[in-house]
Amino acid sequence: MKTLADLGEKEVVSLLLQGVKTTVAVGPGDDAAAIDLGDRYLVVSTDVITRSSHMPDGMTDWQVGWFAAAVNFSDIAAMGARPIGLVMAYTLPRDMPFNRLESISQGVNDCCRAVGADLLGGDTKEGTGIVLAGTALGLVDKDKILLRRGAKEGDMVAVTGPLGLSAAGYAAIRNGIDDPRAVRALLEPQPRTAEGMVLAASGQVTSCMDITDGLAYSIGELSRQSGAGFEVIWENIPMGEGVEEVSRKSGVPLEDLVLHFGGDYELLFTFSPQAVIPLQKALEGRMHIIGQVKGSENFMIVEGRAVPLDTRGYEHFRR
């Protein structure tokens, strides 16, 4: 009998969804589901964080709350939707001091305010550890929704910000490296909801997803769902300040930090070449072109040489 570790998170989800029927506009397989509300879609996504997977030593309770809300709003951002609310459910040990729960809740509230959404309610239950599960809601016009499928030959490929800093934060914690900026990037991700709405409003974006499990995996996912290949230029990928130094000090290869770790929560998107200037202006500098949609395979161009892109990324149940 295969275990979850044998299968990995992606295969587990794929097997669970076999035979599942859906009547909604967008069902399982994208960053969020979309439910028909007339001229708009209600966008719904859920995410859970646990002590073992998401809360390293030194993470404050406020950061736990912020993180739990941010990862949910990031999925709303990837669909181009305006976030409207969040429902949170907490599993907590009975001996937790109340002021710790207050700090967690404050982190959730602060993230909601930062993206312009409301905390709508939730649930609390007793358990042996800390588990936070959120469900985020958003609204988007039907003709503006962003999906993982739709990239086509000749489209440009871009990201909304520097990559690798979250991974550098993890490496810094694991190796005792003093880099507060990287650690903060890991523990306080910024959901790109404003950028997602700009991309949706442009009408020029052909596919989009948030970079949760690494740039390489995200490229592979857009490629798979769109049926098109991606050619990405290594030298064009924006890197967070200090990532190279953390790579050198920790011994973790730079390409692993930038391509395969994840946790950046920037948006990866494809768009019509005619929209380069308008999108650059609308995003106010938060657009970095890293390649183009080309052919049927995924390649990385490194110093002018094309090498196959390894699209592996972070995956739960595996280490």
C-alpha atoms as a PDB file:
ATOM      1  CA  MET A   1       0.000   0.000   0.000  1.00  0.00           C
ATOM      2  CA  LYS A   2       1.526   3.312  -1.081  1.00  0.00           C
ATOM      3  CA  THR A   3       1.856   6.058   1.505  1.00  0.00           C
ATOM      4  CA  LEU A   4       1.437   9.801   1.032  1.00  0.00           C
ATOM      5  CA  ALA A   5       5.236  10.051   1.116  1.00  0.00           C
ATOM      6  CA  ASP A   6       5.472   7.604  -1.775  1.00  0.00           C
ATOM      7  CA  LEU A   7       3.039   9.639  -3.857  1.00  0.00           C
ATOM      8  CA  GLY A   8       3.773  13.263  -2.968  1.00  0.00           C
ATOM      9  CA  GLU A   9       1.230  16.054  -2.638  1.00  0.00           C
ATOM     10  CA  LYS A  10       0.634  16.621  -6.365  1.00  0.00           C
ATOM     11  CA  GLU A  11      -0.132  12.962  -7.098  1.00  0.00           C
ATOM     12  CA  VAL A  12      -2.288  12.679  -3.966  1.00  0.00           C
ATOM     13  CA  VAL A  13      -4.461  15.572  -5.114  1.00  0.00           C
ATOM     14  CA  SER A  14      -4.668  14.197  -8.649  1.00  0.00           C
ATOM     15  CA  LEU A  15      -5.859  10.823  -7.383  1.00  0.00           C
ATOM     16  CA  LEU A  16      -8.417  12.365  -5.031  1.00  0.00           C
ATOM     17  CA  LEU A  17      -9.922  14.372  -7.888  1.00  0.00           C
ATOM     18  CA  GLN A  18     -10.357  11.404 -10.223  1.00  0.00           C
ATOM     19  CA  GLY A  19     -14.020  11.095 -10.993  1.00  0.00           C
ATOM     20  CA  VAL A  20     -14.936  14.329  -9.178  1.00  0.00           C
ATOM     21  CA  LYS A  21     -17.579  16.208 -11.158  1.00  0.00           C
ATOM     22  CA  THR A  22     -18.021  19.961 -10.902  1.00  0.00           C
ATOM     23  CA  THR A  23     -20.719  22.322 -12.153  1.00  0.00           C
ATOM     24  CA  VAL A  24     -18.943  25.579 -11.303  1.00  0.00           C
ATOM     25  CA  ALA A  25     -17.233  27.794 -13.872  1.00  0.00           C
ATOM     26  CA  VAL A  26     -13.731  26.949 -12.617  1.00  0.00           C
ATOM     27  CA  GLY A  27     -13.294  23.855 -10.486  1.00  0.00           C
ATOM     28  CA  PRO A  28     -10.288  22.061  -9.013  1.00  0.00           C
ATOM     29  CA  GLY A  29      -6.978  22.560 -10.784  1.00  0.00           C
ATOM     30  CA  ASP A  30      -6.489  26.305 -10.678  1.00  0.00           C
ATOM     31  CA  ASP A  31      -5.418  28.663  -7.878  1.00  0.00           C
ATOM     32  CA  ALA A  32      -9.045  29.044  -6.808  1.00  0.00           C
ATOM     33  CA  ALA A  33     -12.558  28.013  -7.795  1.00  0.00           C
ATOM     34  CA  ALA A  34     -14.935  30.412  -9.550  1.00  0.00           C
ATOM     35  CA  ILE A  35     -18.696  30.396  -9.038  1.00  0.00           C
ATOM     36  CA  ASP A  36     -21.084  32.125 -11.463  1.00  0.00           C
ATOM     37  CA  LEU A  37     -22.796  35.201  -9.976  1.00  0.00           C
ATOM     38  CA  GLY A  38     -24.248  36.702 -13.133  1.00  0.00           C
ATOM     39  CA  ASP A  39     -21.769  39.180 -14.605  1.00  0.00           C
ATOM     40  CA  ARG A  40     -19.065  38.286 -12.066  1.00  0.00           C
ATOM     41  CA  TYR A  41     -17.440  35.258 -10.499  1.00  0.00           C
ATOM     42  CA  LEU A  42     -17.161  34.597  -6.791  1.00  0.00           C
ATOM     43  CA  VAL A  43     -13.615  33.304  -6.388  1.00  0.00           C
ATOM     44  CA  VAL A  44     -12.992  30.907  -3.470  1.00  0.00           C
ATOM     45  CA  SER A  45      -9.770  29.366  -2.190  1.00  0.00           C
ATOM     46  CA  THR A  46      -8.612  27.642   0.980  1.00  0.00           C
ATOM     47  CA  ASP A  47      -5.208  27.003   2.521  1.00  0.00           C
ATOM     48  CA  VAL A  48      -3.995  25.552   5.803  1.00  0.00           C
ATOM     49  CA  ILE A  49      -0.797  26.080   7.779  1.00  0.00           C
ATOM     50  CA  THR A  50       0.650  23.868  10.500  1.00  0.00           C
ATOM     51  CA  ARG A  51       3.371  24.127  13.080  1.00  0.00           C
ATOM     52  CA  SER A  52       5.605  21.533  11.428  1.00  0.00           C
ATOM     53  CA  SER A  53       5.396  22.894   7.870  1.00  0.00           C
ATOM     54  CA  HIS A  54       5.080  26.657   8.214  1.00  0.00           C
ATOM     55  CA  MET A  55       6.161  27.903  11.639  1.00  0.00           C
ATOM     56  CA  PRO A  56       9.936  27.831  12.140  1.00  0.00           C
ATOM     57  CA  ASP A  57      11.507  28.718  15.470  1.00  0.00           C
ATOM     58  CA  GLY A  58      11.491  32.467  15.976  1.00  0.00           C
ATOM     59  CA  MET A  59       8.260  33.068  14.082  1.00  0.00           C
ATOM     60  CA  THR A  60       6.064  35.399  16.123  1.00  0.00           C
ATOM     61  CA  ASP A  61       2.381  34.733  16.741  1.00  0.00           C
ATOM     62  CA  TRP A  62       1.524  37.876  14.762  1.00  0.00           C
ATOM     63  CA  GLN A  63       3.512  36.482  11.822  1.00  0.00           C
ATOM     64  CA  VAL A  64       1.645  33.175  12.100  1.00  0.00           C
ATOM     65  CA  GLY A  65      -1.649  35.028  11.676  1.00  0.00           C
ATOM     66  CA  TRP A  66      -0.372  37.222   8.852  1.00  0.00           C
ATOM     67  CA  PHE A  67       1.064  34.213   7.020  1.00  0.00           C
ATOM     68  CA  ALA A  68      -2.169  32.215   7.310  1.00  0.00           C
ATOM     69  CA  ALA A  69      -4.169  35.070   5.781  1.00  0.00           C
ATOM     70  CA  ALA A  70      -1.580  36.036   3.151  1.00  0.00           C
ATOM     71  CA  VAL A  71      -1.274  32.596   1.565  1.00  0.00           C
ATOM     72  CA  ASN A  72      -5.032  32.511   1.075  1.00  0.00           C
ATOM     73  CA  PHE A  73      -5.221  35.992  -0.435  1.00  0.00           C
ATOM     74  CA  SER A  74      -2.358  35.108  -2.779  1.00  0.00           C
ATOM     75  CA  ASP A  75      -4.598  32.578  -4.524  1.00  0.00           C
ATOM     76  CA  ILE A  76      -7.261  35.260  -4.943  1.00  0.00           C
ATOM     77  CA  ALA A  77      -4.598  37.542  -6.440  1.00  0.00           C
ATOM     78  CA  ALA A  78      -3.616  34.870  -8.974  1.00  0.00           C
ATOM     79  CA  MET A  79      -7.170  34.901 -10.356  1.00  0.00           C
ATOM     80  CA  GLY A  80      -7.173  38.688 -10.748  1.00  0.00           C
ATOM     81  CA  ALA A  81      -9.994  39.032  -8.213  1.00  0.00           C
ATOM     82  CA  ARG A  82     -10.674  41.764  -5.681  1.00  0.00           C
ATOM     83  CA  PRO A  83     -10.445  40.186  -2.218  1.00  0.00           C
ATOM     84  CA  ILE A  84     -13.607  40.699  -0.191  1.00  0.00           C
ATOM     85  CA  GLY A  85     -13.273  38.488   2.866  1.00  0.00           C
ATOM     86  CA  LEU A  86     -11.648  35.702   4.814  1.00  0.00           C
ATOM     87  CA  VAL A  87     -12.996  32.981   7.097  1.00  0.00           C
ATOM     88  CA  MET A  88     -10.508  31.448   9.555  1.00  0.00           C
ATOM     89  CA  ALA A  89     -10.643  28.218  11.568  1.00  0.00           C
ATOM     90  CA  TYR A  90      -8.197  27.579  14.422  1.00  0.00           C
ATOM     91  CA  THR A  91      -7.197  24.339  16.107  1.00  0.00           C
ATOM     92  CA  LEU A  92      -5.420  25.256  19.346  1.00  0.00           C
ATOM     93  CA  PRO A  93      -4.106  23.544  22.490  1.00  0.00           C
ATOM     94  CA  ARG A  94      -6.134  24.269  25.617  1.00  0.00           C
ATOM     95  CA  ASP A  95      -3.101  25.527  27.537  1.00  0.00           C
ATOM     96  CA  MET A  96      -2.271  28.274  25.009  1.00  0.00           C
ATOM     97  CA  PRO A  97      -2.199  31.706  26.704  1.00  0.00           C
ATOM     98  CA  PHE A  98      -4.998  33.892  25.369  1.00  0.00           C
ATOM     99  CA  ASN A  99      -2.627  36.736  24.531  1.00  0.00           C
ATOM    100  CA  ARG A 100      -0.922  34.463  21.989  1.00  0.00           C
ATOM    101  CA  LEU A 101      -4.247  33.889  20.243  1.00  0.00           C
ATOM    102  CA  GLU A 102      -4.854  37.646  20.314  1.00  0.00           C
ATOM    103  CA  SER A 103      -1.540  38.180  18.515  1.00  0.00           C
ATOM    104  CA  ILE A 104      -2.368  35.558  15.885  1.00  0.00           C
ATOM    105  CA  SER A 105      -5.760  37.152  15.320  1.00  0.00           C
ATOM    106  CA  GLN A 106      -4.161  40.593  15.032  1.00  0.00           C
ATOM    107  CA  GLY A 107      -1.876  39.274  12.293  1.00  0.00           C
ATOM    108  CA  VAL A 108      -4.884  37.932  10.402  1.00  0.00           C
ATOM    109  CA  ASN A 109      -6.735  41.235  10.814  1.00  0.00           C
ATOM    110  CA  ASP A 110      -3.757  43.295   9.683  1.00  0.00           C
ATOM    111  CA  CYS A 111      -3.361  41.238   6.506  1.00  0.00           C
ATOM    112  CA  CYS A 112      -7.075  41.569   5.760  1.00  0.00           C
ATOM    113  CA  ARG A 113      -6.839  45.339   6.101  1.00  0.00           C
ATOM    114  CA  ALA A 114      -3.712  45.443   3.945  1.00  0.00           C
ATOM    115  CA  VAL A 115      -5.542  43.883   0.991  1.00  0.00           C
ATOM    116  CA  GLY A 116      -8.869  45.640   1.601  1.00  0.00           C
ATOM    117  CA  ALA A 117     -10.839  42.620   2.773  1.00  0.00           C
ATOM    118  CA  ASP A 118     -12.942  41.814   5.844  1.00  0.00           C
ATOM    119  CA  LEU A 119     -12.491  39.073   8.412  1.00  0.00           C
ATOM    120  CA  LEU A 120     -15.873  37.376   8.092  1.00  0.00           C
ATOM    121  CA  GLY A 121     -15.718  34.958  11.015  1.00  0.00           C
ATOM    122  CA  GLY A 122     -14.622  31.389  11.570  1.00  0.00           C
ATOM    123  CA  ASP A 123     -14.291  28.672  14.184  1.00  0.00           C
ATOM    124  CA  THR A 124     -12.054  27.551  17.050  1.00  0.00           C
ATOM    125  CA  LYS A 125     -11.500  23.994  18.225  1.00  0.00           C
ATOM    126  CA  GLU A 126      -9.281  22.271  20.766  1.00  0.00           C
ATOM    127  CA  GLY A 127      -6.407  20.172  19.480  1.00  0.00           C
ATOM    128  CA  THR A 128      -2.902  19.013  20.303  1.00  0.00           C
ATOM    129  CA  GLY A 129      -1.124  21.567  18.115  1.00  0.00           C
ATOM    130  CA  ILE A 130      -1.620  24.818  16.221  1.00  0.00           C
ATOM    131  CA  VAL A 131      -3.396  24.514  12.865  1.00  0.00           C
ATOM    132  CA  LEU A 132      -4.848  27.491  10.999  1.00  0.00           C
ATOM    133  CA  ALA A 133      -7.142  27.020   8.005  1.00  0.00           C
ATOM    134  CA  GLY A 134      -8.422  29.929   5.955  1.00  0.00           C
ATOM    135  CA  THR A 135     -10.944  30.376   3.163  1.00  0.00           C
ATOM    136  CA  ALA A 136     -10.616  33.545   1.099  1.00  0.00           C
ATOM    137  CA  LEU A 137     -13.286  35.073  -1.136  1.00  0.00           C
ATOM    138  CA  GLY A 138     -12.962  37.490  -4.032  1.00  0.00           C
ATOM    139  CA  LEU A 139     -14.915  38.965  -6.944  1.00  0.00           C
ATOM    140  CA  VAL A 140     -13.864  39.364 -10.568  1.00  0.00           C
ATOM    141  CA  ASP A 141     -15.659  40.255 -13.783  1.00  0.00           C
ATOM    142  CA  LYS A 142     -16.254  37.192 -15.922  1.00  0.00           C
ATOM    143  CA  ASP A 143     -14.262  38.517 -18.863  1.00  0.00           C
ATOM    144  CA  LYS A 144     -11.307  39.514 -16.656  1.00  0.00           C
ATOM    145  CA  ILE A 145     -10.598  36.345 -14.668  1.00  0.00           C
ATOM    146  CA  LEU A 146      -7.029  35.024 -14.843  1.00  0.00           C
ATOM    147  CA  LEU A 147      -6.480  31.284 -15.277  1.00  0.00           C
ATOM    148  CA  ARG A 148      -3.513  28.925 -15.425  1.00  0.00           C
ATOM    149  CA  ARG A 149      -4.389  27.963 -18.984  1.00  0.00           C
ATOM    150  CA  GLY A 150      -4.275  30.178 -22.058  1.00  0.00           C
ATOM    151  CA  ALA A 151      -0.591  30.948 -22.746  1.00  0.00           C
ATOM    152  CA  LYS A 152       0.131  30.862 -26.468  1.00  0.00           C
ATOM    153  CA  GLU A 153       3.100  31.001 -28.820  1.00  0.00           C
ATOM    154  CA  GLY A 154       4.742  34.427 -28.853  1.00  0.00           C
ATOM    155  CA  ASP A 155       3.450  35.580 -25.464  1.00  0.00           C
ATOM    156  CA  MET A 156       5.893  37.218 -23.078  1.00  0.00           C
ATOM    157  CA  VAL A 157       6.575  35.657 -19.653  1.00  0.00           C
ATOM    158  CA  ALA A 158       6.958  37.868 -16.579  1.00  0.00           C
ATOM    159  CA  VAL A 159       6.933  37.956 -12.784  1.00  0.00           C
ATOM    160  CA  THR A 160       5.784  40.719 -10.452  1.00  0.00           C
ATOM    161  CA  GLY A 161       8.888  40.866  -8.259  1.00  0.00           C
ATOM    162  CA  PRO A 162      12.260  39.476  -7.159  1.00  0.00           C
ATOM    163  CA  LEU A 163      12.523  35.782  -6.365  1.00  0.00           C
ATOM    164  CA  GLY A 164      14.531  33.610  -3.982  1.00  0.00           C
ATOM    165  CA  LEU A 165      14.396  35.800  -0.889  1.00  0.00           C
ATOM    166  CA  SER A 166      11.937  33.546   0.943  1.00  0.00           C
ATOM    167  CA  ALA A 167      14.129  30.527   0.217  1.00  0.00           C
ATOM    168  CA  ALA A 168      17.127  32.511   1.409  1.00  0.00           C
ATOM    169  CA  GLY A 169      15.254  33.209   4.644  1.00  0.00           C
ATOM    170  CA  TYR A 170      14.725  29.496   5.196  1.00  0.00           C
ATOM    171  CA  ALA A 171      18.385  28.765   4.450  1.00  0.00           C
ATOM    172  CA  ALA A 172      19.417  31.585   6.778  1.00  0.00           C
ATOM    173  CA  ILE A 173      17.390  30.142   9.663  1.00  0.00           C
ATOM    174  CA  ARG A 174      18.667  26.617   9.050  1.00  0.00           C
ATOM    175  CA  ASN A 175      22.305  27.710   8.857  1.00  0.00           C
ATOM    176  CA  GLY A 176      22.432  30.457  11.485  1.00  0.00           C
ATOM    177  CA  ILE A 177      22.968  33.240   8.940  1.00  0.00           C
ATOM    178  CA  ASP A 178      22.032  36.756  10.012  1.00  0.00           C
ATOM    179  CA  ASP A 179      19.749  38.122   7.270  1.00  0.00           C
ATOM    180  CA  PRO A 180      16.615  39.728   8.773  1.00  0.00           C
ATOM    181  CA  ARG A 181      15.322  40.863   5.365  1.00  0.00           C
ATOM    182  CA  ALA A 182      15.321  37.314   3.994  1.00  0.00           C
ATOM    183  CA  VAL A 183      13.759  35.876   7.149  1.00  0.00           C
ATOM    184  CA  ARG A 184      11.013  38.495   7.027  1.00  0.00           C
ATOM    185  CA  ALA A 185      10.313  37.634   3.384  1.00  0.00           C
ATOM    186  CA  LEU A 186       9.823  34.006   4.436  1.00  0.00           C
ATOM    187  CA  LEU A 187       7.574  34.751   7.402  1.00  0.00           C
ATOM    188  CA  GLU A 188       5.616  37.743   6.077  1.00  0.00           C
ATOM    189  CA  PRO A 189       4.723  37.047   2.414  1.00  0.00           C
ATOM    190  CA  GLN A 190       2.978  39.859   0.571  1.00  0.00           C
ATOM    191  CA  PRO A 191      -0.043  38.750  -1.473  1.00  0.00           C
ATOM    192  CA  ARG A 192       0.011  40.569  -4.818  1.00  0.00           C
ATOM    193  CA  THR A 193      -3.702  41.335  -4.895  1.00  0.00           C
ATOM    194  CA  ALA A 194      -3.283  44.858  -6.306  1.00  0.00           C
ATOM    195  CA  GLU A 195      -1.031  43.557  -9.065  1.00  0.00           C
ATOM    196  CA  GLY A 196      -3.455  40.739  -9.831  1.00  0.00           C
ATOM    197  CA  MET A 197      -6.306  43.206 -10.291  1.00  0.00           C
ATOM    198  CA  VAL A 198      -4.138  45.350 -12.597  1.00  0.00           C
ATOM    199  CA  LEU A 199      -3.297  42.301 -14.713  1.00  0.00           C
ATOM    200  CA  ALA A 200      -6.963  41.304 -14.910  1.00  0.00           C
ATOM    201  CA  ALA A 201      -8.082  44.821 -15.835  1.00  0.00           C
ATOM    202  CA  SER A 202      -5.583  44.956 -18.720  1.00  0.00           C
ATOM    203  CA  GLY A 203      -7.343  42.228 -20.669  1.00  0.00           C
ATOM    204  CA  GLN A 204      -3.956  41.244 -22.098  1.00  0.00           C
ATOM    205  CA  VAL A 205      -2.892  38.475 -19.681  1.00  0.00           C
ATOM    206  CA  THR A 206      -3.272  34.991 -21.114  1.00  0.00           C
ATOM    207  CA  SER A 207      -2.329  32.889 -18.049  1.00  0.00           C
ATOM    208  CA  CYS A 208      -1.335  33.464 -14.438  1.00  0.00           C
ATOM    209  CA  MET A 209      -0.588  31.754 -11.127  1.00  0.00           C
ATOM    210  CA  ASP A 210       1.122  32.616  -7.865  1.00  0.00           C
ATOM    211  CA  ILE A 211       4.614  31.287  -7.195  1.00  0.00           C
ATOM    212  CA  THR A 212       3.896  29.102  -4.188  1.00  0.00           C
ATOM    213  CA  ASP A 213       6.062  26.041  -4.854  1.00  0.00           C
ATOM    214  CA  GLY A 214       8.862  27.637  -6.872  1.00  0.00           C
ATOM    215  CA  LEU A 215       9.274  29.418 -10.196  1.00  0.00           C
ATOM    216  CA  ALA A 216      10.252  26.252 -12.076  1.00  0.00           C
ATOM    217  CA  TYR A 217       7.191  24.318 -10.903  1.00  0.00           C
ATOM    218  CA  SER A 218       4.938  27.266 -11.721  1.00  0.00           C
ATOM    219  CA  ILE A 219       6.361  27.476 -15.240  1.00  0.00           C
ATOM    220  CA  GLY A 220       5.774  23.769 -15.648  1.00  0.00           C
ATOM    221  CA  GLU A 221       2.181  24.116 -14.482  1.00  0.00           C
ATOM    222  CA  LEU A 222       1.319  26.988 -16.841  1.00  0.00           C
ATOM    223  CA  SER A 223       3.034  25.060 -19.627  1.00  0.00           C
ATOM    224  CA  ARG A 224       1.094  21.871 -18.886  1.00  0.00           C
ATOM    225  CA  GLN A 225      -2.282  23.547 -18.652  1.00  0.00           C
ATOM    226  CA  SER A 226      -1.700  25.743 -21.707  1.00  0.00           C
ATOM    227  CA  GLY A 227      -0.111  23.059 -23.882  1.00  0.00           C
ATOM    228  CA  ALA A 228       2.815  25.341 -24.737  1.00  0.00           C
ATOM    229  CA  GLY A 229       6.532  25.525 -23.979  1.00  0.00           C
ATOM    230  CA  PHE A 230       8.329  28.251 -22.050  1.00  0.00           C
ATOM    231  CA  GLU A 231      11.792  29.649 -22.747  1.00  0.00           C
ATOM    232  CA  VAL A 232      13.140  31.515 -19.730  1.00  0.00           C
ATOM    233  CA  ILE A 233      16.385  33.480 -19.573  1.00  0.00           C
ATOM    234  CA  TRP A 234      18.264  32.845 -16.307  1.00  0.00           C
ATOM    235  CA  GLU A 235      19.985  36.230 -16.379  1.00  0.00           C
ATOM    236  CA  ASN A 236      16.598  37.993 -16.659  1.00  0.00           C
ATOM    237  CA  ILE A 237      15.131  36.471 -13.487  1.00  0.00           C
ATOM    238  CA  PRO A 238      15.089  39.157 -10.777  1.00  0.00           C
ATOM    239  CA  MET A 239      16.657  37.991  -7.517  1.00  0.00           C
ATOM    240  CA  GLY A 240      16.021  39.365  -4.062  1.00  0.00           C
ATOM    241  CA  GLU A 241      18.804  41.391  -2.500  1.00  0.00           C
ATOM    242  CA  GLY A 242      21.145  39.137  -0.539  1.00  0.00           C
ATOM    243  CA  VAL A 243      20.034  35.843  -2.120  1.00  0.00           C
ATOM    244  CA  GLU A 244      23.406  35.214  -3.724  1.00  0.00           C
ATOM    245  CA  GLU A 245      25.211  35.900  -0.446  1.00  0.00           C
ATOM    246  CA  VAL A 246      22.975  33.487   1.487  1.00  0.00           C
ATOM    247  CA  SER A 247      23.569  30.881  -1.217  1.00  0.00           C
ATOM    248  CA  ARG A 248      27.315  31.293  -0.825  1.00  0.00           C
ATOM    249  CA  LYS A 249      27.264  31.176   2.979  1.00  0.00           C
ATOM    250  CA  SER A 250      24.793  28.279   3.255  1.00  0.00           C
ATOM    251  CA  GLY A 251      26.086  26.158   0.401  1.00  0.00           C
ATOM    252  CA  VAL A 252      22.595  25.901  -1.087  1.00  0.00           C
ATOM    253  CA  PRO A 253      22.830  26.251  -4.894  1.00  0.00           C
ATOM    254  CA  LEU A 254      21.540  29.587  -6.149  1.00  0.00           C
ATOM    255  CA  GLU A 255      19.313  27.899  -8.712  1.00  0.00           C
ATOM    256  CA  ASP A 256      17.573  25.932  -5.942  1.00  0.00           C
ATOM    257  CA  LEU A 257      16.827  29.112  -3.993  1.00  0.00           C
ATOM    258  CA  VAL A 258      15.524  30.958  -7.055  1.00  0.00           C
ATOM    259  CA  LEU A 259      13.816  28.168  -9.001  1.00  0.00           C
ATOM    260  CA  HIS A 260      12.736  25.302  -6.779  1.00  0.00           C
ATOM    261  CA  PHE A 261      12.067  26.325  -3.159  1.00  0.00           C
ATOM    262  CA  GLY A 262       8.990  28.536  -3.426  1.00  0.00           C
ATOM    263  CA  GLY A 263       7.323  30.784  -0.896  1.00  0.00           C
ATOM    264  CA  ASP A 264       7.840  33.982  -2.913  1.00  0.00           C
ATOM    265  CA  TYR A 265       4.111  34.499  -3.622  1.00  0.00           C
ATOM    266  CA  GLU A 266       4.866  36.746  -6.585  1.00  0.00           C
ATOM    267  CA  LEU A 267       2.722  36.281  -9.697  1.00  0.00           C
ATOM    268  CA  LEU A 268       3.972  34.496 -12.806  1.00  0.00           C
ATOM    269  CA  PHE A 269       2.039  35.521 -15.917  1.00  0.00           C
ATOM    270  CA  THR A 270       2.031  35.525 -19.707  1.00  0.00           C
ATOM    271  CA  PHE A 271       0.742  38.337 -21.864  1.00  0.00           C
ATOM    272  CA  SER A 272       0.496  39.709 -25.372  1.00  0.00           C
ATOM    273  CA  PRO A 273       3.714  41.424 -26.544  1.00  0.00           C
ATOM    274  CA  GLN A 274       1.680  44.481 -27.572  1.00  0.00           C
ATOM    275  CA  ALA A 275       0.906  45.103 -23.901  1.00  0.00           C
ATOM    276  CA  VAL A 276       4.497  45.515 -22.673  1.00  0.00           C
ATOM    277  CA  ILE A 277       4.456  49.300 -22.293  1.00  0.00           C
ATOM    278  CA  PRO A 278       0.897  49.628 -20.896  1.00  0.00           C
ATOM    279  CA  LEU A 279       1.515  46.858 -18.344  1.00  0.00           C
ATOM    280  CA  GLN A 280       4.865  48.287 -17.293  1.00  0.00           C
ATOM    281  CA  LYS A 281       3.191  51.615 -16.667  1.00  0.00           C
ATOM    282  CA  ALA A 282       0.178  50.130 -14.864  1.00  0.00           C
ATOM    283  CA  LEU A 283       2.326  47.903 -12.607  1.00  0.00           C
ATOM    284  CA  GLU A 284       4.649  50.798 -11.746  1.00  0.00           C
ATOM    285  CA  GLY A 285       7.853  48.805 -11.963  1.00  0.00           C
ATOM    286  CA  ARG A 286       6.494  45.512 -10.648  1.00  0.00           C
ATOM    287  CA  MET A 287       6.937  43.665 -13.939  1.00  0.00           C
ATOM    288  CA  HIS A 288      10.072  41.755 -14.908  1.00  0.00           C
ATOM    289  CA  ILE A 289      10.080  40.012 -18.299  1.00  0.00           C
ATOM    290  CA  ILE A 290      11.950  36.710 -18.001  1.00  0.00           C
ATOM    291  CA  GLY A 291      11.215  34.949 -21.285  1.00  0.00           C
ATOM    292  CA  GLN A 292       8.634  33.977 -23.846  1.00  0.00           C
ATOM    293  CA  VAL A 293       6.213  31.223 -24.753  1.00  0.00           C
ATOM    294  CA  LYS A 294       7.911  29.193 -27.455  1.00  0.00           C
ATOM    295  CA  GLY A 295       7.657  25.658 -28.819  1.00  0.00           C
ATOM    296  CA  SER A 296       6.364  22.744 -26.784  1.00  0.00           C
ATOM    297  CA  GLU A 297       9.149  22.134 -24.211  1.00  0.00           C
ATOM    298  CA  ASN A 298      10.464  24.175 -21.285  1.00  0.00           C
ATOM    299  CA  PHE A 299      14.005  25.500 -21.504  1.00  0.00           C
ATOM    300  CA  MET A 300      16.279  27.754 -19.490  1.00  0.00           C
ATOM    301  CA  ILE A 301      18.712  29.941 -21.406  1.00  0.00           C
ATOM    302  CA  VAL A 302      21.936  30.249 -19.393  1.00  0.00           C
ATOM    303  CA  GLU A 303      24.712  32.372 -20.910  1.00  0.00           C
ATOM    304  CA  GLY A 304      23.164  31.870 -24.315  1.00  0.00           C
ATOM    305  CA  ARG A 305      22.902  28.083 -24.004  1.00  0.00           C
ATOM    306  CA  ALA A 306      19.535  26.296 -23.850  1.00  0.00           C
ATOM    307  CA  VAL A 307      19.152  23.594 -21.177  1.00  0.00           C
ATOM    308  CA  PRO A 308      15.973  21.666 -20.278  1.00  0.00           C
ATOM    309  CA  LEU A 309      14.183  23.262 -17.328  1.00  0.00           C
ATOM    310  CA  ASP A 310      13.719  20.986 -14.332  1.00  0.00           C
ATOM    311  CA  THR A 311      10.180  21.902 -13.223  1.00  0.00           C
ATOM    312  CA  ARG A 312      10.314  20.302  -9.794  1.00  0.00           C
ATOM    313  CA  GLY A 313       9.246  22.391  -6.819  1.00  0.00           C
ATOM    314  CA  TYR A 314       8.411  22.181  -3.132  1.00  0.00           C
ATOM    315  CA  GLU A 315       6.013  19.347  -2.360  1.00  0.00           C
ATOM    316  CA  HIS A 316       4.328  18.338   0.897  1.00  0.00           C
ATOM    317  CA  PHE A 317       4.676  14.733   2.145  1.00  0.00           C
ATOM    318  CA  ARG A 318       8.164  14.630   0.609  1.00  0.00           C
ATOM    319  CA  ARG A 319      11.510  15.787   1.987  1.00  0.00           C
END
